[in-house]
Amino acid sequence: MPGEDPNKGWNRASVQYRSRGPYKPSVKVEDLVMPNGLGNFRMLWTCMLMAGMMTVLYVWIPLMFLNVFVPISGVTYAAALGGMLLGLTAFLYIAGTRETRRDRDLATRL
């Protein structure tokens, strides 16, 4: 276009003549792995907190609505909430440790 600077934007010589080399970022193996500093107790605590939130969202609220139509005893209510809390905690912990192990294996292959 008339009046444009010939060295800016798409008018640069490196763009017009495709003379620029390919861009290779300096990515190390450590950059590709998620932080795995969670120890066993800390990871268990984090999984229990997340399982607690999931239990409230996905078990406690539906049980409240179900309790309106079908009377649920207190023992059944507590067993359902406690069982799901323990089950979700175990599931998240096992899945998290497995995924961390897979990430470490992937990092060694890269």
N, C-alpha and C. Protein backbone atom coordinates (compact mmCIF):
# COMPACT_ATOMS: atom_id res chain seq x y z
N MET A 1 0.85 -1.18 0.00
CA MET A 1 0.00 0.00 0.00
C MET A 1 0.89 1.23 0.00
N PRO A 2 0.46 2.25 -0.69
CA PRO A 2 1.27 3.47 -0.69
C PRO A 2 1.28 4.11 0.69
N GLY A 3 2.41 4.65 1.08
CA GLY A 3 2.55 5.35 2.34
C GLY A 3 2.90 4.45 3.52
N GLU A 4 2.96 3.15 3.34
CA GLU A 4 3.32 2.24 4.43
C GLU A 4 4.82 2.08 4.52
N ASP A 5 5.28 1.83 5.72
CA ASP A 5 6.70 1.58 5.92
C ASP A 5 7.02 0.20 5.34
N PRO A 6 8.00 0.08 4.49
CA PRO A 6 8.29 -1.20 3.85
C PRO A 6 8.92 -2.24 4.79
N ASN A 7 9.28 -1.83 5.98
CA ASN A 7 9.93 -2.76 6.91
C ASN A 7 9.04 -3.18 8.07
N LYS A 8 7.76 -2.90 8.03
CA LYS A 8 6.85 -3.24 9.12
C LYS A 8 5.74 -4.15 8.62
N GLY A 9 5.21 -4.95 9.54
CA GLY A 9 4.07 -5.79 9.22
C GLY A 9 4.42 -6.87 8.22
N TRP A 10 3.50 -7.12 7.30
CA TRP A 10 3.69 -8.18 6.32
C TRP A 10 4.61 -7.76 5.18
N ASN A 11 5.08 -6.52 5.20
CA ASN A 11 5.97 -6.04 4.14
C ASN A 11 7.43 -6.37 4.41
N ARG A 12 7.73 -6.95 5.57
CA ARG A 12 9.13 -7.25 5.89
C ARG A 12 9.70 -8.22 4.86
N ALA A 13 10.98 -8.07 4.61
CA ALA A 13 11.65 -8.93 3.62
C ALA A 13 11.65 -10.38 4.08
N SER A 14 11.77 -10.62 5.39
CA SER A 14 11.80 -12.01 5.86
C SER A 14 10.46 -12.71 5.64
N VAL A 15 9.37 -11.95 5.61
CA VAL A 15 8.06 -12.54 5.35
C VAL A 15 7.86 -12.71 3.86
N GLN A 16 8.22 -11.71 3.09
CA GLN A 16 7.99 -11.76 1.65
C GLN A 16 8.85 -12.84 0.98
N TYR A 17 10.07 -12.99 1.41
CA TYR A 17 10.96 -13.93 0.76
C TYR A 17 11.10 -15.25 1.53
N ARG A 18 10.37 -15.38 2.61
CA ARG A 18 10.40 -16.58 3.45
C ARG A 18 11.82 -16.98 3.81
N SER A 19 12.59 -16.01 4.25
CA SER A 19 14.00 -16.27 4.53
C SER A 19 14.25 -16.58 6.01
N ARG A 20 13.25 -16.45 6.85
CA ARG A 20 13.44 -16.71 8.28
C ARG A 20 13.43 -18.22 8.52
N GLY A 21 14.32 -18.66 9.38
CA GLY A 21 14.39 -20.08 9.72
C GLY A 21 13.23 -20.47 10.62
N PRO A 22 12.99 -21.76 10.74
CA PRO A 22 11.89 -22.22 11.60
C PRO A 22 12.17 -21.92 13.07
N TYR A 23 11.13 -21.64 13.80
CA TYR A 23 11.27 -21.31 15.22
C TYR A 23 11.27 -22.58 16.04
N LYS A 24 12.29 -22.75 16.87
CA LYS A 24 12.36 -23.91 17.76
C LYS A 24 12.47 -23.38 19.18
N PRO A 25 11.42 -23.54 19.98
CA PRO A 25 11.48 -23.06 21.36
C PRO A 25 12.44 -23.92 22.19
N SER A 26 13.00 -23.31 23.20
CA SER A 26 13.91 -24.06 24.07
C SER A 26 13.10 -24.66 25.21
N VAL A 27 12.49 -25.82 24.94
CA VAL A 27 11.68 -26.51 25.93
C VAL A 27 12.46 -27.70 26.44
N LYS A 28 12.60 -27.77 27.77
CA LYS A 28 13.31 -28.89 28.39
C LYS A 28 12.29 -29.93 28.86
N VAL A 29 12.77 -31.09 29.22
CA VAL A 29 11.91 -32.16 29.71
C VAL A 29 11.21 -31.73 30.99
N GLU A 30 11.90 -30.99 31.85
CA GLU A 30 11.31 -30.54 33.12
C GLU A 30 10.11 -29.62 32.89
N ASP A 31 10.09 -28.93 31.75
CA ASP A 31 8.97 -28.03 31.46
C ASP A 31 7.71 -28.78 31.08
N LEU A 32 7.84 -30.02 30.63
CA LEU A 32 6.69 -30.80 30.17
C LEU A 32 6.03 -31.61 31.28
N VAL A 33 6.67 -31.72 32.42
CA VAL A 33 6.15 -32.54 33.51
C VAL A 33 5.46 -31.65 34.53
N MET A 34 4.30 -32.10 34.97
CA MET A 34 3.59 -31.36 36.02
C MET A 34 4.37 -31.47 37.32
N PRO A 35 4.25 -30.48 38.20
CA PRO A 35 4.97 -30.57 39.47
C PRO A 35 4.50 -31.78 40.26
N ASN A 36 5.43 -32.56 40.73
CA ASN A 36 5.08 -33.75 41.48
C ASN A 36 5.57 -33.66 42.91
N GLY A 37 5.53 -32.48 43.47
CA GLY A 37 6.01 -32.28 44.82
C GLY A 37 5.02 -32.70 45.89
N LEU A 38 3.86 -33.22 45.51
CA LEU A 38 2.89 -33.64 46.51
C LEU A 38 3.38 -34.92 47.15
N GLY A 39 3.59 -34.88 48.44
CA GLY A 39 3.95 -36.10 49.17
C GLY A 39 2.71 -36.94 49.39
N ASN A 40 2.88 -38.10 49.97
CA ASN A 40 1.75 -39.00 50.16
C ASN A 40 0.67 -38.38 51.04
N PHE A 41 1.06 -37.80 52.19
CA PHE A 41 0.05 -37.23 53.08
C PHE A 41 -0.61 -36.00 52.46
N ARG A 42 0.19 -35.15 51.83
CA ARG A 42 -0.37 -33.94 51.22
C ARG A 42 -1.30 -34.29 50.06
N MET A 43 -0.92 -35.28 49.28
CA MET A 43 -1.78 -35.68 48.17
C MET A 43 -3.07 -36.32 48.69
N LEU A 44 -2.96 -37.11 49.74
CA LEU A 44 -4.15 -37.72 50.34
C LEU A 44 -5.08 -36.63 50.88
N TRP A 45 -4.51 -35.61 51.53
CA TRP A 45 -5.31 -34.51 52.07
C TRP A 45 -6.00 -33.74 50.94
N THR A 46 -5.29 -33.47 49.87
CA THR A 46 -5.88 -32.76 48.74
C THR A 46 -6.99 -33.59 48.08
N CYS A 47 -6.76 -34.89 47.95
CA CYS A 47 -7.78 -35.76 47.37
C CYS A 47 -9.01 -35.82 48.27
N MET A 48 -8.80 -35.81 49.59
CA MET A 48 -9.93 -35.85 50.50
C MET A 48 -10.74 -34.55 50.42
N LEU A 49 -10.07 -33.42 50.28
CA LEU A 49 -10.80 -32.15 50.13
C LEU A 49 -11.61 -32.13 48.84
N MET A 50 -11.02 -32.58 47.75
CA MET A 50 -11.75 -32.61 46.48
C MET A 50 -12.90 -33.61 46.54
N ALA A 51 -12.68 -34.76 47.18
CA ALA A 51 -13.74 -35.75 47.33
C ALA A 51 -14.87 -35.19 48.19
N GLY A 52 -14.54 -34.39 49.20
CA GLY A 52 -15.57 -33.75 50.01
C GLY A 52 -16.44 -32.81 49.19
N MET A 53 -15.79 -32.03 48.35
CA MET A 53 -16.55 -31.12 47.49
C MET A 53 -17.43 -31.89 46.50
N MET A 54 -16.88 -32.96 45.94
CA MET A 54 -17.66 -33.77 44.99
C MET A 54 -18.82 -34.47 45.70
N THR A 55 -18.60 -34.90 46.93
CA THR A 55 -19.66 -35.56 47.69
C THR A 55 -20.80 -34.59 47.96
N VAL A 56 -20.46 -33.35 48.32
CA VAL A 56 -21.50 -32.36 48.56
C VAL A 56 -22.29 -32.09 47.28
N LEU A 57 -21.58 -31.91 46.18
CA LEU A 57 -22.25 -31.58 44.92
C LEU A 57 -23.06 -32.72 44.34
N TYR A 58 -22.45 -33.91 44.31
CA TYR A 58 -23.05 -34.99 43.54
C TYR A 58 -23.81 -36.02 44.38
N VAL A 59 -23.68 -35.98 45.71
CA VAL A 59 -24.38 -36.96 46.54
C VAL A 59 -25.33 -36.28 47.52
N TRP A 60 -24.83 -35.30 48.27
CA TRP A 60 -25.64 -34.69 49.31
C TRP A 60 -26.86 -33.96 48.74
N ILE A 61 -26.67 -33.16 47.70
CA ILE A 61 -27.78 -32.41 47.12
C ILE A 61 -28.84 -33.35 46.52
N PRO A 62 -28.46 -34.37 45.72
CA PRO A 62 -29.51 -35.31 45.26
C PRO A 62 -30.19 -36.06 46.41
N LEU A 63 -29.43 -36.39 47.47
CA LEU A 63 -30.05 -37.06 48.61
C LEU A 63 -31.07 -36.15 49.30
N MET A 64 -30.78 -34.86 49.35
CA MET A 64 -31.76 -33.92 49.93
C MET A 64 -33.05 -33.93 49.13
N PHE A 65 -32.95 -33.87 47.81
CA PHE A 65 -34.15 -33.89 46.97
C PHE A 65 -34.86 -35.24 47.06
N LEU A 66 -34.11 -36.32 47.13
CA LEU A 66 -34.71 -37.65 47.25
C LEU A 66 -35.42 -37.80 48.59
N ASN A 67 -34.88 -37.18 49.63
CA ASN A 67 -35.46 -37.27 50.96
C ASN A 67 -36.82 -36.57 51.03
N VAL A 68 -37.10 -35.67 50.12
CA VAL A 68 -38.41 -35.02 50.08
C VAL A 68 -39.49 -36.02 49.69
N PHE A 69 -39.17 -36.91 48.75
CA PHE A 69 -40.16 -37.86 48.25
C PHE A 69 -40.10 -39.22 48.94
N VAL A 70 -38.90 -39.66 49.31
CA VAL A 70 -38.72 -40.96 49.96
C VAL A 70 -38.02 -40.72 51.29
N PRO A 71 -38.62 -41.07 52.39
CA PRO A 71 -37.94 -40.85 53.68
C PRO A 71 -36.69 -41.74 53.81
N ILE A 72 -35.59 -41.11 54.11
CA ILE A 72 -34.31 -41.82 54.27
C ILE A 72 -33.91 -41.71 55.73
N SER A 73 -33.50 -42.82 56.33
CA SER A 73 -33.09 -42.79 57.73
C SER A 73 -31.74 -42.09 57.86
N GLY A 74 -31.47 -41.63 59.06
CA GLY A 74 -30.21 -40.93 59.32
C GLY A 74 -28.99 -41.80 59.11
N VAL A 75 -29.11 -43.08 59.47
CA VAL A 75 -27.97 -44.00 59.30
C VAL A 75 -27.69 -44.20 57.81
N THR A 76 -28.72 -44.37 57.01
CA THR A 76 -28.54 -44.55 55.56
C THR A 76 -27.95 -43.29 54.93
N TYR A 77 -28.44 -42.15 55.39
CA TYR A 77 -27.95 -40.86 54.90
C TYR A 77 -26.45 -40.71 55.19
N ALA A 78 -26.08 -40.98 56.43
CA ALA A 78 -24.68 -40.84 56.83
C ALA A 78 -23.80 -41.89 56.13
N ALA A 79 -24.32 -43.11 55.99
CA ALA A 79 -23.54 -44.15 55.31
C ALA A 79 -23.31 -43.81 53.85
N ALA A 80 -24.31 -43.25 53.19
CA ALA A 80 -24.15 -42.87 51.78
C ALA A 80 -23.12 -41.76 51.64
N LEU A 81 -23.19 -40.75 52.49
CA LEU A 81 -22.24 -39.64 52.40
C LEU A 81 -20.83 -40.10 52.78
N GLY A 82 -20.71 -40.86 53.87
CA GLY A 82 -19.39 -41.33 54.29
C GLY A 82 -18.78 -42.30 53.30
N GLY A 83 -19.60 -43.21 52.79
CA GLY A 83 -19.09 -44.17 51.81
C GLY A 83 -18.62 -43.50 50.53
N MET A 84 -19.36 -42.53 50.05
CA MET A 84 -18.94 -41.82 48.84
C MET A 84 -17.70 -40.98 49.10
N LEU A 85 -17.60 -40.39 50.30
CA LEU A 85 -16.39 -39.62 50.62
C LEU A 85 -15.17 -40.52 50.60
N LEU A 86 -15.26 -41.68 51.23
CA LEU A 86 -14.12 -42.61 51.23
C LEU A 86 -13.85 -43.17 49.83
N GLY A 87 -14.91 -43.51 49.11
CA GLY A 87 -14.74 -44.06 47.77
C GLY A 87 -14.12 -43.06 46.80
N LEU A 88 -14.61 -41.83 46.83
CA LEU A 88 -14.06 -40.80 45.94
C LEU A 88 -12.63 -40.44 46.33
N THR A 89 -12.34 -40.41 47.62
CA THR A 89 -10.97 -40.14 48.06
C THR A 89 -10.02 -41.21 47.53
N ALA A 90 -10.40 -42.46 47.67
CA ALA A 90 -9.56 -43.55 47.18
C ALA A 90 -9.40 -43.48 45.66
N PHE A 91 -10.49 -43.21 44.96
CA PHE A 91 -10.42 -43.12 43.50
C PHE A 91 -9.50 -41.99 43.05
N LEU A 92 -9.65 -40.81 43.64
CA LEU A 92 -8.81 -39.67 43.26
C LEU A 92 -7.35 -39.92 43.60
N TYR A 93 -7.08 -40.52 44.74
CA TYR A 93 -5.69 -40.79 45.14
C TYR A 93 -5.04 -41.79 44.19
N ILE A 94 -5.74 -42.86 43.88
CA ILE A 94 -5.18 -43.88 42.98
C ILE A 94 -4.99 -43.30 41.57
N ALA A 95 -5.98 -42.57 41.09
CA ALA A 95 -5.87 -41.96 39.76
C ALA A 95 -4.74 -40.94 39.72
N GLY A 96 -4.59 -40.15 40.78
CA GLY A 96 -3.54 -39.14 40.82
C GLY A 96 -2.15 -39.74 40.86
N THR A 97 -1.95 -40.78 41.65
CA THR A 97 -0.63 -41.40 41.70
C THR A 97 -0.31 -42.11 40.40
N ARG A 98 -1.30 -42.72 39.79
CA ARG A 98 -1.07 -43.40 38.51
C ARG A 98 -0.69 -42.39 37.43
N GLU A 99 -1.40 -41.26 37.40
CA GLU A 99 -1.11 -40.24 36.40
C GLU A 99 0.26 -39.61 36.62
N THR A 100 0.64 -39.40 37.88
CA THR A 100 1.96 -38.86 38.17
C THR A 100 3.05 -39.82 37.70
N ARG A 101 2.85 -41.11 37.92
CA ARG A 101 3.82 -42.11 37.47
C ARG A 101 3.92 -42.11 35.95
N ARG A 102 2.77 -41.99 35.26
CA ARG A 102 2.79 -41.96 33.79
C ARG A 102 3.50 -40.71 33.28
N ASP A 103 3.31 -39.58 33.97
CA ASP A 103 3.99 -38.35 33.56
C ASP A 103 5.50 -38.48 33.72
N ARG A 104 5.95 -39.11 34.81
CA ARG A 104 7.39 -39.31 35.01
C ARG A 104 7.97 -40.23 33.93
N ASP A 105 7.24 -41.28 33.59
CA ASP A 105 7.71 -42.18 32.53
C ASP A 105 7.79 -41.47 31.19
N LEU A 106 6.80 -40.64 30.90
CA LEU A 106 6.81 -39.88 29.66
C LEU A 106 7.98 -38.91 29.61
N ALA A 107 8.27 -38.28 30.74
CA ALA A 107 9.37 -37.31 30.78
C ALA A 107 10.70 -37.99 30.53
N THR A 108 10.88 -39.20 30.99
CA THR A 108 12.16 -39.88 30.75
C THR A 108 12.30 -40.28 29.29
N ARG A 109 11.17 -40.54 28.62
CA ARG A 109 11.26 -40.93 27.20
C ARG A 109 11.49 -39.73 26.29
N LEU A 110 11.11 -38.54 26.75
CA LEU A 110 11.31 -37.36 25.91
C LEU A 110 12.71 -36.87 26.07
